[in-house]
Amino acid sequence: MKFYRDHAWPSTLEEAIAIQEKLRDQVITEDQLQEPIQYVAGVDMGFEADGTISRAAVAVLSFPDLQVIETSLAHRPTTFPYVPGFLSFREIPAVLDALEKIKTTPDIILCDGQGIAHPRGLGIASHLGLLIDMPTIGVAKSRLVGKYEELPETKGSKQPLIYKGETVGAVLRTRTGVKPLYISSGHRVSLPTAIDYVLRCTPKYRLPETTRIADKLASAK
């Protein structure tokens, strides 16, 4: 898989903030999908050698039956520290390496992290989507910004995630009686569409199948 855009990767938080503030207005939160959707992908990260080596995994699944079509792994030295709100600078370089290895181009990528539900509106899903110009969805296990009302325990229940007076995502129950996920538009996907595809990719577990499989690859020893 080829992508056509990149930027200089920062070494300081000040440089990273400048990149986020420059790119956030380029994020598209309306649907620009190539339908019908045939392939969905998940990306996730692991680290080796006390965090000095990044290990990125990509899993491409058929849709809607969610069968594994292709996977890839990539390793590279970790060049940016772990700082909440800046994970894309730590993780995306290795993710791009892993995406370059796959032959099946996904129609949507589900990222283990935030989309626009981010202090500067550019979480890893939005950042990645801009760089590769593909539809992406942020599927986070924890909240970074925003407030929400409590939601029912049943699968499919959701509440808007509000940050600075705007809806930046949704809190979504993907399995009855289990902690919710935090869904937000990454790039070229609206929030309702993002919720729909996350639910369709979570037939049995809390996490989407894309994320579960990529996580196993990224964390395997």
N, C-alpha and C. Protein backbone atom coordinates (compact mmCIF):
# COMPACT_ATOMS: atom_id res chain seq x y z
N MET A 1 0.85 -1.19 0.00
CA MET A 1 0.00 0.00 0.00
C MET A 1 0.88 1.24 0.00
N LYS A 2 0.57 2.19 -0.86
CA LYS A 2 1.35 3.41 -0.97
C LYS A 2 0.59 4.59 -0.38
N PHE A 3 1.33 5.52 0.18
CA PHE A 3 0.74 6.77 0.63
C PHE A 3 1.62 7.90 0.12
N TYR A 4 1.07 9.10 0.12
CA TYR A 4 1.70 10.16 -0.65
C TYR A 4 1.99 11.43 0.14
N ARG A 5 1.88 11.38 1.43
CA ARG A 5 2.05 12.60 2.19
C ARG A 5 2.81 12.30 3.47
N ASP A 6 3.66 13.22 3.88
CA ASP A 6 4.40 13.07 5.13
C ASP A 6 4.80 14.46 5.59
N HIS A 7 5.41 14.54 6.74
CA HIS A 7 5.95 15.80 7.22
C HIS A 7 7.16 15.49 8.08
N ALA A 8 7.93 16.51 8.40
CA ALA A 8 9.08 16.32 9.28
C ALA A 8 8.57 15.92 10.66
N TRP A 9 9.15 14.88 11.23
CA TRP A 9 8.71 14.41 12.53
C TRP A 9 9.41 15.18 13.63
N PRO A 10 8.66 15.70 14.60
CA PRO A 10 9.23 16.63 15.59
C PRO A 10 10.07 15.93 16.65
N SER A 11 10.89 16.72 17.30
CA SER A 11 11.69 16.23 18.42
C SER A 11 11.28 16.89 19.72
N THR A 12 10.42 17.92 19.67
CA THR A 12 9.96 18.62 20.87
C THR A 12 8.44 18.71 20.87
N LEU A 13 7.86 18.93 22.06
CA LEU A 13 6.41 19.10 22.14
C LEU A 13 5.96 20.36 21.42
N GLU A 14 6.77 21.39 21.45
CA GLU A 14 6.41 22.64 20.77
C GLU A 14 6.26 22.41 19.27
N GLU A 15 7.18 21.65 18.70
CA GLU A 15 7.09 21.34 17.28
C GLU A 15 5.87 20.48 16.99
N ALA A 16 5.58 19.54 17.88
CA ALA A 16 4.43 18.66 17.71
C ALA A 16 3.12 19.45 17.77
N ILE A 17 3.02 20.36 18.72
CA ILE A 17 1.81 21.19 18.83
C ILE A 17 1.61 22.00 17.57
N ALA A 18 2.67 22.55 17.03
CA ALA A 18 2.56 23.36 15.80
C ALA A 18 2.03 22.52 14.64
N ILE A 19 2.47 21.27 14.56
CA ILE A 19 1.98 20.38 13.49
C ILE A 19 0.50 20.08 13.70
N GLN A 20 0.11 19.78 14.93
CA GLN A 20 -1.30 19.49 15.21
C GLN A 20 -2.18 20.68 14.88
N GLU A 21 -1.76 21.85 15.26
CA GLU A 21 -2.58 23.04 15.02
C GLU A 21 -2.65 23.38 13.53
N LYS A 22 -1.62 23.03 12.79
CA LYS A 22 -1.62 23.26 11.35
C LYS A 22 -2.54 22.28 10.63
N LEU A 23 -2.53 21.02 11.05
CA LEU A 23 -3.25 19.99 10.34
C LEU A 23 -4.72 19.86 10.72
N ARG A 24 -5.09 20.28 11.93
CA ARG A 24 -6.44 19.97 12.42
C ARG A 24 -7.55 20.52 11.54
N ASP A 25 -7.33 21.67 10.92
CA ASP A 25 -8.37 22.26 10.08
C ASP A 25 -8.51 21.53 8.75
N GLN A 26 -7.60 20.61 8.45
CA GLN A 26 -7.68 19.86 7.20
C GLN A 26 -8.47 18.56 7.37
N VAL A 27 -8.81 18.21 8.61
CA VAL A 27 -9.55 16.97 8.87
C VAL A 27 -10.98 17.09 8.33
N ILE A 28 -11.42 16.07 7.65
CA ILE A 28 -12.78 16.02 7.09
C ILE A 28 -13.61 15.09 7.96
N THR A 29 -14.71 15.60 8.50
CA THR A 29 -15.56 14.79 9.37
C THR A 29 -16.90 14.47 8.70
N GLU A 30 -16.91 14.47 7.39
CA GLU A 30 -18.05 14.02 6.60
C GLU A 30 -17.65 12.76 5.85
N ASP A 31 -18.65 11.97 5.47
CA ASP A 31 -18.36 10.70 4.81
C ASP A 31 -17.80 10.91 3.40
N GLN A 32 -16.62 10.37 3.19
CA GLN A 32 -16.02 10.27 1.86
C GLN A 32 -15.49 8.85 1.73
N LEU A 33 -16.40 7.91 1.57
CA LEU A 33 -16.08 6.50 1.55
C LEU A 33 -16.27 5.93 0.16
N GLN A 34 -15.44 4.93 -0.15
CA GLN A 34 -15.62 4.18 -1.39
C GLN A 34 -16.49 2.95 -1.06
N GLU A 35 -17.75 3.06 -1.35
CA GLU A 35 -18.66 1.96 -1.02
C GLU A 35 -18.94 1.10 -2.24
N PRO A 36 -19.26 -0.17 -2.07
CA PRO A 36 -19.43 -0.85 -0.77
C PRO A 36 -18.10 -1.11 -0.08
N ILE A 37 -18.12 -1.12 1.24
CA ILE A 37 -16.93 -1.40 2.03
C ILE A 37 -16.63 -2.89 1.95
N GLN A 38 -15.45 -3.23 1.50
CA GLN A 38 -15.05 -4.63 1.36
C GLN A 38 -13.99 -5.05 2.36
N TYR A 39 -13.16 -4.08 2.79
CA TYR A 39 -12.06 -4.41 3.70
C TYR A 39 -11.97 -3.35 4.80
N VAL A 40 -11.83 -3.81 6.02
CA VAL A 40 -11.59 -2.93 7.15
C VAL A 40 -10.26 -3.35 7.78
N ALA A 41 -9.57 -2.39 8.36
CA ALA A 41 -8.27 -2.69 8.94
C ALA A 41 -8.16 -2.12 10.34
N GLY A 42 -7.32 -2.74 11.13
CA GLY A 42 -6.98 -2.23 12.45
C GLY A 42 -5.48 -2.03 12.54
N VAL A 43 -5.07 -1.00 13.26
CA VAL A 43 -3.65 -0.77 13.52
C VAL A 43 -3.46 -0.67 15.03
N ASP A 44 -2.36 -1.20 15.50
CA ASP A 44 -2.07 -1.14 16.93
C ASP A 44 -0.56 -1.17 17.11
N MET A 45 -0.13 -0.85 18.34
CA MET A 45 1.30 -0.72 18.62
C MET A 45 1.70 -1.54 19.83
N GLY A 46 2.92 -2.04 19.77
CA GLY A 46 3.58 -2.62 20.93
C GLY A 46 4.99 -2.06 20.96
N PHE A 47 5.70 -2.34 22.04
CA PHE A 47 7.06 -1.82 22.16
C PHE A 47 7.97 -2.91 22.72
N GLU A 48 9.20 -2.89 22.27
CA GLU A 48 10.19 -3.86 22.69
C GLU A 48 11.42 -3.13 23.26
N ALA A 49 12.26 -3.89 23.92
CA ALA A 49 13.53 -3.37 24.44
C ALA A 49 13.31 -2.12 25.30
N ASP A 50 12.42 -2.28 26.31
CA ASP A 50 12.11 -1.18 27.23
C ASP A 50 11.61 0.06 26.52
N GLY A 51 10.83 -0.16 25.45
CA GLY A 51 10.21 0.97 24.76
C GLY A 51 11.06 1.61 23.69
N THR A 52 12.26 1.14 23.48
CA THR A 52 13.15 1.78 22.51
C THR A 52 12.86 1.35 21.07
N ILE A 53 12.14 0.24 20.91
CA ILE A 53 11.77 -0.25 19.58
C ILE A 53 10.25 -0.27 19.47
N SER A 54 9.73 0.37 18.46
CA SER A 54 8.29 0.38 18.19
C SER A 54 7.94 -0.80 17.30
N ARG A 55 6.83 -1.45 17.63
CA ARG A 55 6.37 -2.62 16.87
C ARG A 55 4.94 -2.33 16.42
N ALA A 56 4.75 -2.06 15.15
CA ALA A 56 3.43 -1.71 14.61
C ALA A 56 2.82 -2.90 13.90
N ALA A 57 1.52 -3.08 14.10
CA ALA A 57 0.80 -4.18 13.46
C ALA A 57 -0.40 -3.64 12.69
N VAL A 58 -0.64 -4.25 11.54
CA VAL A 58 -1.82 -3.95 10.73
C VAL A 58 -2.53 -5.27 10.45
N ALA A 59 -3.84 -5.28 10.63
CA ALA A 59 -4.65 -6.45 10.29
C ALA A 59 -5.75 -6.00 9.34
N VAL A 60 -5.84 -6.62 8.18
CA VAL A 60 -6.88 -6.31 7.21
C VAL A 60 -7.89 -7.45 7.21
N LEU A 61 -9.16 -7.11 7.40
CA LEU A 61 -10.23 -8.10 7.46
C LEU A 61 -11.24 -7.84 6.36
N SER A 62 -11.86 -8.91 5.88
CA SER A 62 -12.97 -8.75 4.94
C SER A 62 -14.17 -8.18 5.68
N PHE A 63 -15.03 -7.52 4.95
CA PHE A 63 -16.23 -6.93 5.56
C PHE A 63 -17.43 -7.28 4.68
N PRO A 64 -18.52 -7.74 5.31
CA PRO A 64 -18.84 -7.69 6.73
C PRO A 64 -18.53 -8.96 7.53
N ASP A 65 -17.91 -9.98 6.91
CA ASP A 65 -17.75 -11.25 7.64
C ASP A 65 -16.53 -11.28 8.55
N LEU A 66 -15.66 -10.27 8.46
CA LEU A 66 -14.56 -10.07 9.41
C LEU A 66 -13.60 -11.26 9.47
N GLN A 67 -13.21 -11.73 8.30
CA GLN A 67 -12.20 -12.77 8.21
C GLN A 67 -10.85 -12.14 7.87
N VAL A 68 -9.78 -12.64 8.50
CA VAL A 68 -8.46 -12.05 8.29
C VAL A 68 -8.00 -12.31 6.86
N ILE A 69 -7.66 -11.24 6.17
CA ILE A 69 -7.17 -11.33 4.80
C ILE A 69 -5.66 -11.20 4.75
N GLU A 70 -5.12 -10.30 5.58
CA GLU A 70 -3.69 -10.01 5.51
C GLU A 70 -3.26 -9.31 6.79
N THR A 71 -2.02 -9.56 7.21
CA THR A 71 -1.45 -8.86 8.35
C THR A 71 -0.03 -8.45 8.02
N SER A 72 0.47 -7.47 8.76
CA SER A 72 1.87 -7.08 8.60
C SER A 72 2.40 -6.53 9.91
N LEU A 73 3.71 -6.60 10.06
CA LEU A 73 4.41 -6.06 11.22
C LEU A 73 5.57 -5.20 10.74
N ALA A 74 5.89 -4.18 11.51
CA ALA A 74 7.05 -3.35 11.21
C ALA A 74 7.70 -2.90 12.52
N HIS A 75 9.01 -2.85 12.50
CA HIS A 75 9.79 -2.40 13.66
C HIS A 75 10.64 -1.19 13.28
N ARG A 76 10.75 -0.27 14.20
CA ARG A 76 11.69 0.84 14.00
C ARG A 76 12.02 1.45 15.36
N PRO A 77 13.15 2.14 15.49
CA PRO A 77 13.49 2.78 16.76
C PRO A 77 12.43 3.80 17.17
N THR A 78 12.12 3.85 18.45
CA THR A 78 11.16 4.82 18.98
C THR A 78 11.87 6.16 19.14
N THR A 79 11.31 7.21 18.54
CA THR A 79 12.01 8.49 18.54
C THR A 79 11.27 9.60 19.28
N PHE A 80 10.09 9.31 19.83
CA PHE A 80 9.32 10.35 20.53
C PHE A 80 8.83 9.77 21.84
N PRO A 81 8.85 10.54 22.92
CA PRO A 81 8.46 10.01 24.23
C PRO A 81 6.96 9.77 24.34
N TYR A 82 6.59 9.00 25.37
CA TYR A 82 5.17 8.78 25.65
C TYR A 82 4.61 10.00 26.38
N VAL A 83 3.74 10.74 25.70
CA VAL A 83 3.08 11.91 26.28
C VAL A 83 1.63 11.87 25.82
N PRO A 84 0.66 11.77 26.75
CA PRO A 84 -0.75 11.77 26.34
C PRO A 84 -1.06 12.98 25.46
N GLY A 85 -1.81 12.75 24.38
CA GLY A 85 -2.14 13.81 23.44
C GLY A 85 -1.16 13.93 22.29
N PHE A 86 -0.06 13.17 22.37
CA PHE A 86 0.97 13.24 21.33
C PHE A 86 1.37 11.85 20.84
N LEU A 87 0.49 10.86 21.04
CA LEU A 87 0.87 9.49 20.71
C LEU A 87 1.11 9.28 19.22
N SER A 88 0.48 10.09 18.37
CA SER A 88 0.68 9.89 16.94
C SER A 88 2.13 10.08 16.54
N PHE A 89 2.84 10.99 17.22
CA PHE A 89 4.23 11.23 16.86
C PHE A 89 5.13 10.07 17.31
N ARG A 90 4.70 9.35 18.29
CA ARG A 90 5.44 8.20 18.76
C ARG A 90 5.14 6.95 17.93
N GLU A 91 3.91 6.86 17.42
CA GLU A 91 3.45 5.60 16.84
C GLU A 91 3.33 5.60 15.32
N ILE A 92 2.95 6.71 14.71
CA ILE A 92 2.63 6.70 13.28
C ILE A 92 3.82 6.31 12.39
N PRO A 93 5.05 6.74 12.67
CA PRO A 93 6.13 6.32 11.75
C PRO A 93 6.20 4.81 11.56
N ALA A 94 6.07 4.04 12.62
CA ALA A 94 6.10 2.58 12.49
C ALA A 94 4.83 2.07 11.83
N VAL A 95 3.69 2.69 12.11
CA VAL A 95 2.44 2.29 11.47
C VAL A 95 2.52 2.47 9.96
N LEU A 96 3.11 3.57 9.52
CA LEU A 96 3.27 3.79 8.09
C LEU A 96 4.14 2.69 7.47
N ASP A 97 5.18 2.28 8.18
CA ASP A 97 6.02 1.18 7.69
C ASP A 97 5.20 -0.10 7.51
N ALA A 98 4.35 -0.38 8.50
CA ALA A 98 3.52 -1.60 8.43
C ALA A 98 2.49 -1.50 7.31
N LEU A 99 1.91 -0.33 7.12
CA LEU A 99 0.93 -0.16 6.05
C LEU A 99 1.57 -0.31 4.67
N GLU A 100 2.80 0.10 4.54
CA GLU A 100 3.49 -0.04 3.26
C GLU A 100 3.64 -1.50 2.83
N LYS A 101 3.62 -2.40 3.80
CA LYS A 101 3.86 -3.81 3.51
C LYS A 101 2.62 -4.55 3.02
N ILE A 102 1.43 -4.00 3.27
CA ILE A 102 0.23 -4.74 2.90
C ILE A 102 -0.12 -4.52 1.43
N LYS A 103 -0.70 -5.54 0.84
CA LYS A 103 -1.09 -5.47 -0.56
C LYS A 103 -2.58 -5.17 -0.73
N THR A 104 -3.37 -5.46 0.31
CA THR A 104 -4.82 -5.23 0.26
C THR A 104 -5.12 -3.86 0.86
N THR A 105 -5.62 -2.96 0.05
CA THR A 105 -5.91 -1.62 0.53
C THR A 105 -7.25 -1.61 1.26
N PRO A 106 -7.28 -1.27 2.55
CA PRO A 106 -8.55 -1.24 3.28
C PRO A 106 -9.39 -0.03 2.89
N ASP A 107 -10.69 -0.16 3.08
CA ASP A 107 -11.60 0.95 2.82
C ASP A 107 -11.75 1.86 4.03
N ILE A 108 -11.58 1.29 5.22
CA ILE A 108 -11.63 2.06 6.47
C ILE A 108 -10.57 1.47 7.41
N ILE A 109 -9.91 2.34 8.16
CA ILE A 109 -8.96 1.90 9.17
C ILE A 109 -9.47 2.32 10.54
N LEU A 110 -9.58 1.37 11.46
CA LEU A 110 -9.96 1.64 12.84
C LEU A 110 -8.69 1.71 13.68
N CYS A 111 -8.48 2.84 14.33
CA CYS A 111 -7.26 3.08 15.08
C CYS A 111 -7.50 2.94 16.58
N ASP A 112 -6.55 2.37 17.26
CA ASP A 112 -6.60 2.23 18.71
C ASP A 112 -6.18 3.56 19.33
N GLY A 113 -7.10 4.51 19.36
CA GLY A 113 -6.80 5.84 19.88
C GLY A 113 -7.87 6.83 19.44
N GLN A 114 -7.59 8.09 19.66
CA GLN A 114 -8.57 9.14 19.39
C GLN A 114 -8.52 9.62 17.95
N GLY A 115 -9.67 10.14 17.51
CA GLY A 115 -9.74 10.90 16.27
C GLY A 115 -9.72 12.38 16.63
N ILE A 116 -10.86 13.05 16.43
CA ILE A 116 -10.92 14.49 16.77
C ILE A 116 -11.23 14.72 18.24
N ALA A 117 -11.50 13.67 19.01
CA ALA A 117 -11.76 13.82 20.46
C ALA A 117 -10.41 13.98 21.17
N HIS A 118 -9.82 15.13 20.97
CA HIS A 118 -8.43 15.38 21.32
C HIS A 118 -8.28 16.86 21.67
N PRO A 119 -7.38 17.22 22.57
CA PRO A 119 -7.27 18.63 22.97
C PRO A 119 -7.08 19.59 21.82
N ARG A 120 -6.39 19.17 20.78
CA ARG A 120 -6.16 20.03 19.61
C ARG A 120 -6.82 19.46 18.35
N GLY A 121 -7.75 18.52 18.53
CA GLY A 121 -8.54 18.01 17.42
C GLY A 121 -7.80 17.13 16.45
N LEU A 122 -6.63 16.57 16.87
CA LEU A 122 -5.85 15.75 15.95
C LEU A 122 -5.23 14.59 16.69
N GLY A 123 -6.07 13.60 17.04
CA GLY A 123 -5.55 12.37 17.60
C GLY A 123 -4.94 11.50 16.52
N ILE A 124 -4.49 10.33 16.91
CA ILE A 124 -3.76 9.47 15.98
C ILE A 124 -4.59 9.07 14.77
N ALA A 125 -5.89 8.84 14.96
CA ALA A 125 -6.73 8.43 13.83
C ALA A 125 -6.86 9.55 12.81
N SER A 126 -7.02 10.78 13.27
CA SER A 126 -7.12 11.91 12.35
C SER A 126 -5.78 12.18 11.68
N HIS A 127 -4.72 12.13 12.45
CA HIS A 127 -3.38 12.38 11.93
C HIS A 127 -3.03 11.36 10.85
N LEU A 128 -3.25 10.09 11.16
CA LEU A 128 -2.96 9.03 10.19
C LEU A 128 -3.82 9.18 8.94
N GLY A 129 -5.11 9.44 9.14
CA GLY A 129 -6.01 9.59 8.00
C GLY A 129 -5.57 10.68 7.04
N LEU A 130 -5.11 11.80 7.60
CA LEU A 130 -4.63 12.89 6.76
C LEU A 130 -3.39 12.48 5.97
N LEU A 131 -2.47 11.80 6.63
CA LEU A 131 -1.21 11.44 5.98
C LEU A 131 -1.42 10.46 4.83
N ILE A 132 -2.35 9.54 4.98
CA ILE A 132 -2.55 8.53 3.93
C ILE A 132 -3.81 8.80 3.11
N ASP A 133 -4.54 9.88 3.46
CA ASP A 133 -5.76 10.28 2.75
C ASP A 133 -6.74 9.12 2.64
N MET A 134 -7.04 8.53 3.80
CA MET A 134 -7.98 7.41 3.84
C MET A 134 -8.97 7.60 4.99
N PRO A 135 -10.16 7.00 4.89
CA PRO A 135 -11.12 7.07 5.98
C PRO A 135 -10.58 6.34 7.22
N THR A 136 -10.63 7.02 8.34
CA THR A 136 -10.17 6.44 9.61
C THR A 136 -11.16 6.76 10.72
N ILE A 137 -11.15 5.88 11.73
CA ILE A 137 -12.04 6.03 12.89
C ILE A 137 -11.20 5.89 14.15
N GLY A 138 -11.43 6.79 15.10
CA GLY A 138 -10.79 6.68 16.40
C GLY A 138 -11.62 5.80 17.32
N VAL A 139 -11.02 4.74 17.84
CA VAL A 139 -11.69 3.81 18.75
C VAL A 139 -10.79 3.68 19.99
N ALA A 140 -11.10 4.48 21.00
CA ALA A 140 -10.22 4.56 22.17
C ALA A 140 -10.83 3.81 23.36
N LYS A 141 -9.96 3.23 24.16
CA LYS A 141 -10.42 2.50 25.35
C LYS A 141 -10.61 3.43 26.55
N SER A 142 -10.04 4.63 26.47
CA SER A 142 -10.19 5.58 27.58
C SER A 142 -10.44 6.98 27.02
N ARG A 143 -10.97 7.82 27.85
CA ARG A 143 -11.32 9.18 27.43
C ARG A 143 -10.12 10.11 27.58
N LEU A 144 -9.92 10.96 26.59
CA LEU A 144 -8.86 11.96 26.66
C LEU A 144 -9.43 13.34 27.00
N VAL A 145 -10.54 13.70 26.37
CA VAL A 145 -11.21 14.97 26.64
C VAL A 145 -12.72 14.75 26.66
N GLY A 146 -13.44 15.74 27.19
CA GLY A 146 -14.89 15.75 27.08
C GLY A 146 -15.64 15.18 28.27
N LYS A 147 -16.94 15.46 28.28
CA LYS A 147 -17.85 14.97 29.30
C LYS A 147 -19.04 14.31 28.62
N TYR A 148 -19.72 13.43 29.37
CA TYR A 148 -20.87 12.74 28.81
C TYR A 148 -21.80 12.29 29.92
N GLU A 149 -23.04 12.05 29.56
CA GLU A 149 -24.02 11.52 30.49
C GLU A 149 -23.87 10.00 30.58
N GLU A 150 -24.26 9.45 31.69
CA GLU A 150 -24.18 8.00 31.85
C GLU A 150 -25.07 7.32 30.80
N LEU A 151 -24.65 6.16 30.34
CA LEU A 151 -25.41 5.47 29.32
C LEU A 151 -25.86 4.10 29.83
N PRO A 152 -26.94 3.58 29.26
CA PRO A 152 -27.43 2.27 29.69
C PRO A 152 -26.38 1.18 29.49
N GLU A 153 -26.60 0.05 30.15
CA GLU A 153 -25.64 -1.05 30.12
C GLU A 153 -25.75 -1.92 28.86
N THR A 154 -26.78 -1.70 28.04
CA THR A 154 -27.01 -2.58 26.90
C THR A 154 -26.14 -2.21 25.70
N LYS A 155 -25.75 -3.24 24.94
CA LYS A 155 -24.96 -3.03 23.73
C LYS A 155 -25.67 -2.09 22.78
N GLY A 156 -24.92 -1.17 22.20
CA GLY A 156 -25.47 -0.20 21.27
C GLY A 156 -25.85 1.12 21.91
N SER A 157 -25.88 1.15 23.25
CA SER A 157 -26.20 2.41 23.93
C SER A 157 -25.07 3.41 23.69
N LYS A 158 -25.43 4.67 23.57
CA LYS A 158 -24.41 5.69 23.31
C LYS A 158 -24.84 7.03 23.87
N GLN A 159 -23.84 7.88 24.11
CA GLN A 159 -24.06 9.25 24.55
C GLN A 159 -23.04 10.13 23.84
N PRO A 160 -23.42 11.37 23.51
CA PRO A 160 -22.45 12.26 22.88
C PRO A 160 -21.33 12.64 23.86
N LEU A 161 -20.15 12.76 23.31
CA LEU A 161 -18.98 13.22 24.07
C LEU A 161 -18.80 14.69 23.74
N ILE A 162 -18.93 15.55 24.77
CA ILE A 162 -18.96 17.00 24.57
C ILE A 162 -17.66 17.62 25.10
N TYR A 163 -17.02 18.43 24.26
CA TYR A 163 -15.79 19.11 24.65
C TYR A 163 -15.86 20.55 24.15
N LYS A 164 -15.76 21.48 25.08
CA LYS A 164 -15.83 22.91 24.76
C LYS A 164 -17.11 23.26 24.00
N GLY A 165 -18.21 22.62 24.43
CA GLY A 165 -19.51 22.93 23.87
C GLY A 165 -19.81 22.26 22.55
N GLU A 166 -18.93 21.41 22.06
CA GLU A 166 -19.14 20.74 20.78
C GLU A 166 -19.09 19.23 20.95
N THR A 167 -19.84 18.53 20.10
CA THR A 167 -19.80 17.07 20.09
C THR A 167 -18.57 16.63 19.31
N VAL A 168 -17.63 16.00 20.01
CA VAL A 168 -16.38 15.56 19.36
C VAL A 168 -16.33 14.04 19.19
N GLY A 169 -17.33 13.35 19.71
CA GLY A 169 -17.35 11.91 19.61
C GLY A 169 -18.55 11.33 20.31
N ALA A 170 -18.49 10.05 20.57
CA ALA A 170 -19.57 9.35 21.26
C ALA A 170 -18.98 8.31 22.20
N VAL A 171 -19.66 8.10 23.30
CA VAL A 171 -19.33 7.02 24.22
C VAL A 171 -20.26 5.87 23.88
N LEU A 172 -19.70 4.74 23.49
CA LEU A 172 -20.48 3.66 22.88
C LEU A 172 -20.28 2.36 23.64
N ARG A 173 -21.39 1.73 24.01
CA ARG A 173 -21.35 0.42 24.66
C ARG A 173 -21.36 -0.65 23.56
N THR A 174 -20.25 -1.34 23.39
CA THR A 174 -20.16 -2.35 22.34
C THR A 174 -20.46 -3.75 22.83
N ARG A 175 -20.62 -3.89 24.15
CA ARG A 175 -21.02 -5.18 24.71
C ARG A 175 -21.78 -4.91 26.01
N THR A 176 -22.88 -5.59 26.21
CA THR A 176 -23.71 -5.35 27.39
C THR A 176 -22.92 -5.59 28.67
N GLY A 177 -23.02 -4.62 29.58
CA GLY A 177 -22.40 -4.74 30.90
C GLY A 177 -20.89 -4.57 30.93
N VAL A 178 -20.31 -4.11 29.82
CA VAL A 178 -18.87 -3.93 29.73
C VAL A 178 -18.56 -2.45 29.52
N LYS A 179 -17.39 -2.02 29.95
CA LYS A 179 -17.00 -0.62 29.80
C LYS A 179 -17.16 -0.15 28.36
N PRO A 180 -17.59 1.09 28.16
CA PRO A 180 -17.79 1.59 26.80
C PRO A 180 -16.46 1.95 26.13
N LEU A 181 -16.56 2.23 24.83
CA LEU A 181 -15.44 2.77 24.06
C LEU A 181 -15.74 4.21 23.69
N TYR A 182 -14.70 4.92 23.31
CA TYR A 182 -14.80 6.34 22.98
C TYR A 182 -14.52 6.49 21.48
N ILE A 183 -15.59 6.78 20.74
CA ILE A 183 -15.53 6.78 19.28
C ILE A 183 -15.51 8.21 18.77
N SER A 184 -14.65 8.47 17.80
CA SER A 184 -14.66 9.79 17.17
C SER A 184 -14.25 9.67 15.71
N SER A 185 -14.67 10.64 14.92
CA SER A 185 -14.26 10.70 13.53
C SER A 185 -12.74 10.84 13.48
N GLY A 186 -12.15 10.08 12.57
CA GLY A 186 -10.73 10.25 12.32
C GLY A 186 -10.57 11.22 11.15
N HIS A 187 -10.85 10.71 9.96
CA HIS A 187 -10.77 11.51 8.74
C HIS A 187 -11.68 10.86 7.71
N ARG A 188 -12.46 11.70 7.02
CA ARG A 188 -13.34 11.26 5.93
C ARG A 188 -14.43 10.29 6.38
N VAL A 189 -14.77 10.32 7.68
CA VAL A 189 -15.85 9.50 8.22
C VAL A 189 -16.65 10.34 9.21
N SER A 190 -17.96 10.37 9.06
CA SER A 190 -18.80 11.10 10.02
C SER A 190 -18.95 10.29 11.29
N LEU A 191 -19.37 10.95 12.35
CA LEU A 191 -19.55 10.24 13.61
C LEU A 191 -20.63 9.16 13.53
N PRO A 192 -21.81 9.41 12.96
CA PRO A 192 -22.79 8.31 12.86
C PRO A 192 -22.25 7.11 12.08
N THR A 193 -21.52 7.37 11.02
CA THR A 193 -20.95 6.26 10.24
C THR A 193 -19.88 5.54 11.05
N ALA A 194 -19.08 6.29 11.79
CA ALA A 194 -18.05 5.68 12.63
C ALA A 194 -18.69 4.74 13.66
N ILE A 195 -19.75 5.19 14.31
CA ILE A 195 -20.45 4.35 15.29
C ILE A 195 -20.98 3.09 14.63
N ASP A 196 -21.59 3.25 13.46
CA ASP A 196 -22.17 2.11 12.74
C ASP A 196 -21.11 1.05 12.44
N TYR A 197 -19.97 1.47 11.92
CA TYR A 197 -18.94 0.49 11.56
C TYR A 197 -18.27 -0.12 12.78
N VAL A 198 -18.11 0.64 13.83
CA VAL A 198 -17.55 0.06 15.05
C VAL A 198 -18.47 -1.04 15.58
N LEU A 199 -19.76 -0.78 15.61
CA LEU A 199 -20.70 -1.81 16.08
C LEU A 199 -20.69 -3.04 15.17
N ARG A 200 -20.59 -2.82 13.89
CA ARG A 200 -20.58 -3.95 12.95
C ARG A 200 -19.27 -4.74 13.00
N CYS A 201 -18.25 -4.13 13.58
CA CYS A 201 -16.96 -4.83 13.73
C CYS A 201 -16.78 -5.42 15.12
N THR A 202 -17.80 -5.33 15.97
CA THR A 202 -17.71 -5.89 17.33
C THR A 202 -18.83 -6.90 17.55
N PRO A 203 -18.79 -8.04 16.89
CA PRO A 203 -19.87 -9.02 17.03
C PRO A 203 -19.91 -9.73 18.37
N LYS A 204 -18.74 -9.84 19.06
CA LYS A 204 -18.72 -10.65 20.29
C LYS A 204 -18.03 -9.97 21.47
N TYR A 205 -17.04 -9.17 21.21
CA TYR A 205 -16.20 -8.66 22.30
C TYR A 205 -16.33 -7.14 22.42
N ARG A 206 -15.66 -6.60 23.43
CA ARG A 206 -15.69 -5.15 23.62
C ARG A 206 -15.00 -4.41 22.48
N LEU A 207 -13.85 -4.93 22.05
CA LEU A 207 -13.08 -4.26 21.02
C LEU A 207 -13.45 -4.77 19.63
N PRO A 208 -13.33 -3.92 18.62
CA PRO A 208 -13.55 -4.40 17.25
C PRO A 208 -12.58 -5.52 16.90
N GLU A 209 -13.01 -6.41 16.03
CA GLU A 209 -12.14 -7.51 15.62
C GLU A 209 -10.84 -7.00 15.01
N THR A 210 -10.92 -5.90 14.29
CA THR A 210 -9.72 -5.30 13.71
C THR A 210 -8.69 -4.98 14.79
N THR A 211 -9.16 -4.35 15.85
CA THR A 211 -8.27 -3.96 16.94
C THR A 211 -7.76 -5.18 17.70
N ARG A 212 -8.64 -6.14 17.95
CA ARG A 212 -8.22 -7.33 18.72
C ARG A 212 -7.09 -8.07 18.01
N ILE A 213 -7.25 -8.23 16.71
CA ILE A 213 -6.25 -9.00 15.98
C ILE A 213 -4.95 -8.21 15.86
N ALA A 214 -5.05 -6.91 15.56
CA ALA A 214 -3.84 -6.09 15.49
C ALA A 214 -3.13 -6.03 16.84
N ASP A 215 -3.89 -5.97 17.91
CA ASP A 215 -3.30 -5.93 19.25
C ASP A 215 -2.53 -7.21 19.55
N LYS A 216 -3.10 -8.35 19.18
CA LYS A 216 -2.40 -9.62 19.41
C LYS A 216 -1.07 -9.67 18.65
N LEU A 217 -1.09 -9.16 17.43
CA LEU A 217 0.13 -9.13 16.63
C LEU A 217 1.16 -8.18 17.23
N ALA A 218 0.69 -7.02 17.66
CA ALA A 218 1.61 -6.00 18.17
C ALA A 218 2.23 -6.39 19.50
N SER A 219 1.50 -7.18 20.29
CA SER A 219 1.98 -7.52 21.62
C SER A 219 2.60 -8.91 21.71
N ALA A 220 2.56 -9.68 20.62
CA ALA A 220 3.12 -11.03 20.64
C ALA A 220 4.64 -10.99 20.79
N LYS A 221 5.15 -11.97 21.51
CA LYS A 221 6.60 -12.06 21.71
C LYS A 221 7.19 -13.15 20.81
